[in-house]
Amino acid sequence: MKTKFDKETWIEGILPNLANMSDDAIDNHLRSEIVRFLKEPAAWTDVDVWNFLKEILDIGVHVGGLSGFVIAIIDVEPYYEAPSGPGAYKQEDGSIQNAPWRKEH
C-alpha cells in the first residue's frame, strides 16, 4: 500500500538535505535547481512538489548528475500515491510522457 504524498515532508526535510549532499551524490546544476525551488516553499502545492521531483529524477536518470542513492530517494511513485488533482505526471498512467520538461530536454 502506498503512502499519501505530503509536500511538507519533502520541503521541510528531504529536499534541504539533498541540497547539502556531496558533489558525488548530486551535481551543482541539480543542487541549484533544488535550492531555487526551495526559495518559495509556501507557494508550492503537492502537485508542484511531486512534479518537481519527477523532473529532477528524469534529468538525473537521462542526463546524469545524481547518485543511485539519490535516485532511489526521489523516485516517489513506487512508494507514494500521486497527489489528486490535475497535472500530477505519473509513469503508471503514461501521463509522464506529456510532462513539459520532457518536451524541453
N, C-alpha and C. Protein backbone atom coordinates (compact mmCIF):
# COMPACT_ATOMS: atom_id res chain seq x y z
N MET A 1 0.84 -1.18 0.00
CA MET A 1 0.00 0.00 0.00
C MET A 1 0.88 1.25 0.00
N LYS A 2 0.56 2.16 -0.87
CA LYS A 2 1.33 3.40 -0.98
C LYS A 2 0.90 4.41 0.07
N THR A 3 1.85 5.25 0.46
CA THR A 3 1.62 6.32 1.42
C THR A 3 1.10 7.55 0.68
N LYS A 4 0.26 8.33 1.33
CA LYS A 4 -0.21 9.59 0.74
C LYS A 4 0.97 10.55 0.63
N PHE A 5 1.12 11.16 -0.53
CA PHE A 5 2.21 12.10 -0.76
C PHE A 5 1.95 13.38 0.03
N ASP A 6 2.97 13.85 0.73
CA ASP A 6 2.86 15.05 1.56
C ASP A 6 4.03 15.97 1.25
N LYS A 7 3.74 17.11 0.68
CA LYS A 7 4.80 18.04 0.26
C LYS A 7 5.66 18.50 1.42
N GLU A 8 5.09 18.61 2.61
CA GLU A 8 5.84 19.12 3.76
C GLU A 8 7.04 18.23 4.08
N THR A 9 6.88 16.94 3.96
CA THR A 9 7.98 16.00 4.21
C THR A 9 9.16 16.33 3.30
N TRP A 10 8.86 16.67 2.08
CA TRP A 10 9.91 16.94 1.09
C TRP A 10 10.48 18.34 1.24
N ILE A 11 9.62 19.33 1.42
CA ILE A 11 10.07 20.72 1.52
C ILE A 11 10.84 20.98 2.81
N GLU A 12 10.38 20.41 3.90
CA GLU A 12 10.99 20.70 5.20
C GLU A 12 12.13 19.75 5.56
N GLY A 13 12.18 18.59 4.95
CA GLY A 13 13.18 17.63 5.38
C GLY A 13 14.08 17.10 4.28
N ILE A 14 13.48 16.43 3.32
CA ILE A 14 14.29 15.68 2.36
C ILE A 14 15.01 16.59 1.37
N LEU A 15 14.30 17.52 0.74
CA LEU A 15 14.96 18.37 -0.26
C LEU A 15 16.09 19.22 0.32
N PRO A 16 15.92 19.86 1.49
CA PRO A 16 17.06 20.60 2.05
C PRO A 16 18.27 19.69 2.31
N ASN A 17 18.02 18.48 2.73
CA ASN A 17 19.13 17.54 2.94
C ASN A 17 19.80 17.18 1.62
N LEU A 18 19.01 17.00 0.57
CA LEU A 18 19.60 16.70 -0.74
C LEU A 18 20.45 17.87 -1.23
N ALA A 19 19.99 19.08 -0.97
CA ALA A 19 20.74 20.27 -1.41
C ALA A 19 22.09 20.37 -0.71
N ASN A 20 22.26 19.69 0.41
CA ASN A 20 23.51 19.74 1.15
C ASN A 20 24.38 18.49 0.99
N MET A 21 23.99 17.61 0.09
CA MET A 21 24.78 16.39 -0.12
C MET A 21 26.06 16.71 -0.89
N SER A 22 26.97 15.78 -0.86
CA SER A 22 28.27 15.97 -1.52
C SER A 22 28.12 16.01 -3.03
N ASP A 23 29.17 16.51 -3.68
CA ASP A 23 29.19 16.56 -5.14
C ASP A 23 29.14 15.16 -5.75
N ASP A 24 29.55 14.15 -5.01
CA ASP A 24 29.47 12.78 -5.51
C ASP A 24 28.03 12.30 -5.61
N ALA A 25 27.15 12.88 -4.81
CA ALA A 25 25.75 12.45 -4.77
C ALA A 25 24.87 13.25 -5.72
N ILE A 26 25.17 14.54 -5.87
CA ILE A 26 24.33 15.41 -6.69
C ILE A 26 25.19 16.51 -7.29
N ASP A 27 25.03 16.74 -8.60
CA ASP A 27 25.88 17.75 -9.22
C ASP A 27 25.36 19.16 -8.93
N ASN A 28 26.20 20.14 -9.20
CA ASN A 28 25.88 21.53 -8.84
C ASN A 28 24.64 22.06 -9.55
N HIS A 29 24.42 21.68 -10.80
CA HIS A 29 23.25 22.17 -11.53
C HIS A 29 21.96 21.70 -10.85
N LEU A 30 21.88 20.42 -10.54
CA LEU A 30 20.67 19.90 -9.90
C LEU A 30 20.53 20.43 -8.47
N ARG A 31 21.64 20.61 -7.79
CA ARG A 31 21.60 21.20 -6.45
C ARG A 31 21.03 22.61 -6.52
N SER A 32 21.49 23.39 -7.49
CA SER A 32 20.99 24.77 -7.61
C SER A 32 19.50 24.80 -7.98
N GLU A 33 19.04 23.81 -8.73
CA GLU A 33 17.61 23.72 -9.03
C GLU A 33 16.80 23.45 -7.76
N ILE A 34 17.30 22.60 -6.90
CA ILE A 34 16.62 22.31 -5.64
C ILE A 34 16.61 23.55 -4.75
N VAL A 35 17.74 24.22 -4.64
CA VAL A 35 17.83 25.44 -3.82
C VAL A 35 16.86 26.49 -4.35
N ARG A 36 16.82 26.66 -5.67
CA ARG A 36 15.91 27.63 -6.28
C ARG A 36 14.46 27.27 -5.95
N PHE A 37 14.11 26.01 -6.07
CA PHE A 37 12.76 25.54 -5.79
C PHE A 37 12.37 25.80 -4.34
N LEU A 38 13.30 25.64 -3.43
CA LEU A 38 13.02 25.79 -2.00
C LEU A 38 12.90 27.24 -1.55
N LYS A 39 13.20 28.19 -2.41
CA LYS A 39 13.13 29.60 -2.01
C LYS A 39 11.71 30.07 -1.72
N GLU A 40 10.70 29.44 -2.32
CA GLU A 40 9.32 29.84 -2.09
C GLU A 40 8.46 28.62 -1.75
N PRO A 41 8.77 27.92 -0.66
CA PRO A 41 8.06 26.67 -0.38
C PRO A 41 6.57 26.83 -0.13
N ALA A 42 6.14 27.95 0.39
CA ALA A 42 4.71 28.14 0.67
C ALA A 42 3.90 28.21 -0.61
N ALA A 43 4.53 28.56 -1.71
CA ALA A 43 3.82 28.71 -2.97
C ALA A 43 3.53 27.37 -3.66
N TRP A 44 4.19 26.31 -3.24
CA TRP A 44 4.09 25.04 -3.95
C TRP A 44 2.98 24.16 -3.42
N THR A 45 2.23 23.56 -4.33
CA THR A 45 1.20 22.58 -3.98
C THR A 45 1.84 21.19 -3.95
N ASP A 46 1.08 20.21 -3.49
CA ASP A 46 1.56 18.83 -3.54
C ASP A 46 1.90 18.43 -4.97
N VAL A 47 1.07 18.84 -5.92
CA VAL A 47 1.32 18.51 -7.34
C VAL A 47 2.61 19.16 -7.81
N ASP A 48 2.87 20.41 -7.42
CA ASP A 48 4.11 21.09 -7.81
C ASP A 48 5.34 20.34 -7.30
N VAL A 49 5.30 19.93 -6.05
CA VAL A 49 6.45 19.23 -5.46
C VAL A 49 6.62 17.87 -6.12
N TRP A 50 5.52 17.15 -6.31
CA TRP A 50 5.56 15.85 -6.99
C TRP A 50 6.22 15.99 -8.36
N ASN A 51 5.73 16.95 -9.15
CA ASN A 51 6.27 17.14 -10.50
C ASN A 51 7.72 17.59 -10.48
N PHE A 52 8.09 18.41 -9.52
CA PHE A 52 9.49 18.82 -9.41
C PHE A 52 10.38 17.60 -9.17
N LEU A 53 9.95 16.73 -8.27
CA LEU A 53 10.73 15.50 -8.02
C LEU A 53 10.82 14.64 -9.27
N LYS A 54 9.72 14.53 -10.00
CA LYS A 54 9.71 13.74 -11.23
C LYS A 54 10.66 14.35 -12.26
N GLU A 55 10.69 15.68 -12.34
CA GLU A 55 11.57 16.35 -13.29
C GLU A 55 13.04 16.14 -12.92
N ILE A 56 13.38 16.33 -11.65
CA ILE A 56 14.76 16.12 -11.21
C ILE A 56 15.17 14.67 -11.43
N LEU A 57 14.27 13.75 -11.17
CA LEU A 57 14.55 12.33 -11.42
C LEU A 57 14.81 12.08 -12.90
N ASP A 58 13.97 12.63 -13.76
CA ASP A 58 14.18 12.47 -15.20
C ASP A 58 15.55 12.98 -15.63
N ILE A 59 15.89 14.16 -15.18
CA ILE A 59 17.19 14.74 -15.54
C ILE A 59 18.32 13.88 -15.00
N GLY A 60 18.21 13.48 -13.75
CA GLY A 60 19.25 12.67 -13.13
C GLY A 60 19.44 11.33 -13.81
N VAL A 61 18.36 10.73 -14.29
CA VAL A 61 18.45 9.43 -14.95
C VAL A 61 18.92 9.56 -16.39
N HIS A 62 18.37 10.53 -17.11
CA HIS A 62 18.65 10.63 -18.55
C HIS A 62 19.89 11.44 -18.88
N VAL A 63 20.23 12.41 -18.06
CA VAL A 63 21.40 13.26 -18.33
C VAL A 63 22.54 12.95 -17.37
N GLY A 64 22.21 12.55 -16.18
CA GLY A 64 23.21 12.28 -15.15
C GLY A 64 23.19 13.37 -14.10
N GLY A 65 24.00 13.18 -13.10
CA GLY A 65 24.13 14.19 -12.06
C GLY A 65 23.59 13.76 -10.71
N LEU A 66 23.01 12.56 -10.63
CA LEU A 66 22.53 12.05 -9.35
C LEU A 66 23.13 10.67 -9.10
N SER A 67 23.50 10.43 -7.86
CA SER A 67 23.97 9.09 -7.50
C SER A 67 22.77 8.15 -7.45
N GLY A 68 23.04 6.86 -7.48
CA GLY A 68 21.98 5.86 -7.36
C GLY A 68 21.20 6.02 -6.08
N PHE A 69 21.88 6.41 -5.02
CA PHE A 69 21.24 6.63 -3.72
C PHE A 69 20.20 7.74 -3.82
N VAL A 70 20.56 8.86 -4.44
CA VAL A 70 19.64 9.99 -4.57
C VAL A 70 18.48 9.62 -5.50
N ILE A 71 18.78 8.91 -6.57
CA ILE A 71 17.71 8.46 -7.47
C ILE A 71 16.69 7.63 -6.70
N ALA A 72 17.17 6.72 -5.86
CA ALA A 72 16.26 5.88 -5.07
C ALA A 72 15.41 6.71 -4.12
N ILE A 73 15.97 7.77 -3.58
CA ILE A 73 15.23 8.63 -2.65
C ILE A 73 14.12 9.39 -3.37
N ILE A 74 14.42 9.96 -4.53
CA ILE A 74 13.41 10.82 -5.16
C ILE A 74 12.49 10.09 -6.13
N ASP A 75 12.67 8.81 -6.30
CA ASP A 75 11.75 8.03 -7.13
C ASP A 75 10.49 7.75 -6.30
N VAL A 76 9.60 8.71 -6.24
CA VAL A 76 8.46 8.68 -5.31
C VAL A 76 7.33 7.75 -5.73
N GLU A 77 7.19 7.52 -7.00
CA GLU A 77 5.99 6.82 -7.48
C GLU A 77 5.80 5.41 -6.92
N PRO A 78 6.84 4.62 -6.73
CA PRO A 78 6.59 3.28 -6.18
C PRO A 78 6.09 3.29 -4.74
N TYR A 79 6.30 4.38 -4.02
CA TYR A 79 6.03 4.40 -2.58
C TYR A 79 4.90 5.34 -2.16
N TYR A 80 4.58 6.31 -3.01
CA TYR A 80 3.58 7.31 -2.67
C TYR A 80 2.46 7.34 -3.69
N GLU A 81 1.25 7.64 -3.22
CA GLU A 81 0.14 7.91 -4.12
C GLU A 81 0.37 9.29 -4.72
N ALA A 82 0.18 9.41 -6.00
CA ALA A 82 0.30 10.73 -6.63
C ALA A 82 -0.76 11.66 -6.06
N PRO A 83 -0.45 12.93 -5.91
CA PRO A 83 -1.45 13.88 -5.40
C PRO A 83 -2.67 13.89 -6.33
N SER A 84 -3.82 14.10 -5.74
CA SER A 84 -5.02 14.17 -6.56
C SER A 84 -5.09 15.53 -7.22
N GLY A 85 -5.85 15.60 -8.25
CA GLY A 85 -5.98 16.85 -8.98
C GLY A 85 -5.23 16.80 -10.30
N PRO A 86 -5.50 17.75 -11.14
CA PRO A 86 -4.87 17.75 -12.46
C PRO A 86 -3.38 18.08 -12.40
N GLY A 87 -2.66 17.50 -13.32
CA GLY A 87 -1.27 17.88 -13.50
C GLY A 87 -0.22 17.05 -12.82
N ALA A 88 -0.57 16.06 -12.04
CA ALA A 88 0.44 15.20 -11.40
C ALA A 88 0.86 14.14 -12.41
N TYR A 89 2.05 14.30 -12.97
CA TYR A 89 2.53 13.40 -14.00
C TYR A 89 3.00 12.09 -13.39
N LYS A 90 2.58 10.97 -14.02
CA LYS A 90 2.89 9.65 -13.47
C LYS A 90 3.37 8.72 -14.57
N GLN A 91 4.27 7.85 -14.19
CA GLN A 91 4.72 6.78 -15.06
C GLN A 91 3.58 5.76 -15.22
N GLU A 92 2.90 5.52 -14.10
CA GLU A 92 1.87 4.50 -14.01
C GLU A 92 0.79 4.62 -15.08
N ASP A 93 0.35 5.85 -15.36
CA ASP A 93 -0.72 6.02 -16.34
C ASP A 93 -0.22 6.59 -17.67
N GLY A 94 1.09 6.76 -17.79
CA GLY A 94 1.68 7.26 -19.03
C GLY A 94 1.67 8.76 -19.17
N SER A 95 1.05 9.48 -18.24
CA SER A 95 0.97 10.94 -18.36
C SER A 95 2.35 11.60 -18.31
N ILE A 96 3.33 10.91 -17.74
CA ILE A 96 4.69 11.46 -17.66
C ILE A 96 5.23 11.79 -19.06
N GLN A 97 4.76 11.08 -20.05
CA GLN A 97 5.21 11.33 -21.42
C GLN A 97 4.81 12.72 -21.91
N ASN A 98 3.79 13.30 -21.29
CA ASN A 98 3.32 14.63 -21.67
C ASN A 98 3.87 15.74 -20.79
N ALA A 99 4.77 15.40 -19.88
CA ALA A 99 5.32 16.39 -18.96
C ALA A 99 6.09 17.46 -19.75
N PRO A 100 5.91 18.72 -19.40
CA PRO A 100 6.57 19.80 -20.14
C PRO A 100 8.08 19.69 -20.18
N TRP A 101 8.70 19.25 -19.10
CA TRP A 101 10.17 19.14 -19.10
C TRP A 101 10.65 18.06 -20.04
N ARG A 102 9.86 17.07 -20.32
CA ARG A 102 10.26 16.03 -21.27
C ARG A 102 10.28 16.59 -22.68
N LYS A 103 9.49 17.59 -22.93
CA LYS A 103 9.49 18.23 -24.25
C LYS A 103 10.65 19.21 -24.38
N GLU A 104 11.11 19.74 -23.23
CA GLU A 104 12.21 20.72 -23.22
C GLU A 104 13.56 20.05 -23.38
N HIS A 105 13.73 18.84 -22.81
CA HIS A 105 15.04 18.20 -22.79
C HIS A 105 15.18 17.27 -23.94
